[in-house]
Amino acid sequence: IILKPNSSASAMAMATFAATPALLSTPPLNPPAPPVRPHPPRASPRLRLRLRIPRRRPVTAPAAAHAASSLSSARGDPREAEAAVAELLRDHGASPEDAAAIAARAPGYAAMLADGVRELDELGLWASWSAGAGARAGAEMGALGFGRKVYFMGRSRRDGAVVPLVESLGVRLSSAKLIAPYVAAEGLPVLIRRAKFLKEMLFSSSGYETLIGRNAKRMMAHLSIPADEALQSTLSFFEKMEARHGGLSMLAHGDVSFPYLIESFPMLLRCSEENHLKPLIDFLKHIGIPKPRIPSVLLAFPPIMLSDVEKDIKRRIHAWEKAGIEQEYIGRMLLKYPWILSASVIENYKQALLFFNRRKISSAFLGTAVKSWPHILGCSTTRMNSILVLFDDLGISKKMVVPVLTSSPQLLLRKANEFLQVVSFFEDMGFDKKAVGKIVCRSPEIFASDVENTLKKKIDFLIDFGISERHLPRIIKKYPELLLLDINRTLLPSNAKTLS
């Protein structure tokens, strides 16, 4: 039935629907699904997820051990690497004791081999490595344990296990790898024995450690001539030592200086004990150097150990004899100044003789001077001339130069500004240049003294003792030797006797 608007039928139908509400509650033939009501919230606010995890079988002890072994092999145990290096050293002739000691002191070498093994493990390149190294088949190498891989990695190198030996001496690994090719031909057992001999020869004596370092500092401080190759290498060695804590005062301490010595003079490891080093020691004793003092000579000038006794050392000693230095003094000079065996120093002595002759100053004093102060042999003629110019300025005649320098040859080592500080010290006390020149001629040692630490302290002592500042210049002019006396050993005891 279609109801049209405004029709009587439509109005009748609407009235029927309104009058009979029971017709609306009659269920239809296909009722809709009832609405879904939400579940009431649970007491716990957490969301519980249930995951199905497959049950594992219990891990047995052998399986756990295998897993731990695999992990250790992958990461690499440093103890395994050290044991592999020790085995490598034994294969090259080292005793079990030496091999263990060297391997323990060469961690850098072991770590280098271990890093190589890990890299090949990660990249799976054992096959190509084995082909290049002539080792086992790649598949077989890959199946070996970590320690065995480290061993074969070391065996593939061509250094004859010398690198770990050099590193064990305290040398940096990078330097040890550079040194090894030059000395590897000697063979590992020979090198081990030689390293022990060198260390015993240079560092077994005691009681001279301070003296050795002090003399090395003095030689460096006063050197003002061009350095030949031997001197240059020695200075380079000293500079490495100076960069360390303790500096050159540690020169006689083997654990500190021996690594730098080998790094600076690696060819020492090629010097035969029987044919080279022992004859050198015998010769030094023959020319008057006591055996306990031999290390002080060799450490101050290591190229001596690389020199041939017959061809080099004896020839240079003969040159000093020709210059008028008796052999008995040469041994003493070597103790104070081992650089007399340097070609540069010998040449500088010849130049110094010519220099004084040109200035018409007798050079006869020079032979006497170098016997007591051989350090002036490293002093250039330019520096010597600067001191002589100051002598001229103070009115010191050429005739007086010789007795002054014979008495105090160390004045030739003074820098011009150091000498002028002493001159100013006397001028501040009221002395003119002529009076200062007379003090130089009478007590030249005063002008080798330090103003702040020596001269001023002695003046203060004399003033404290009761000498008037007004009368002090007159006393110093008459007795300049007062400034040479030691306060504690001479002045104080003398004053105590005077007071008593």
Foldseek 3Di string as FASTA:
>chain_A
DDDDPPDPVVVVVVVVCVVDVVVVPDDDPDHDDDDDDDDDDDPDPDDDDDDDDDDDDDDDPVNVVVVVQVVCQLVDDLVLLLVLLLVLLVVQPDDSVVSNLLSVQQSVLSVVLLVVVNVCLVVVCQQVVCVVLVHDHSVVLNPDGNSVSSNSSVVSDDLSSQLSVLSSQVADSVLSVVLSVVQSVVTDVLLVVLLVVVCCQQQVFDDCLQVLLVLLVLLVLQFDFDADPQVVLLVVLQVVQQPDVVGSSCLNPSSRSVSSVCSSPVCSSVADVVPAVVVLLVVLVVLPDDSSLVSSLCSSRVCSSVDHVVPQVVVLLVLVVVVPADSNLVSVLSSNPVCSSGPRLSVQVVVVCVLCVVVVADCPLVNLLCSVVVSCSSHHVVLLVLLVVLLVVLVNDSVLPSVLCSVPVCSSSDGNVLLVVLVVVLVVLPDDSPLVSVCCSVPVVLSVDGVPPQQVVLVVVVVVLPDDSVCVNVVCSVCVCSSVDDCPPPVVVVVVVVVD
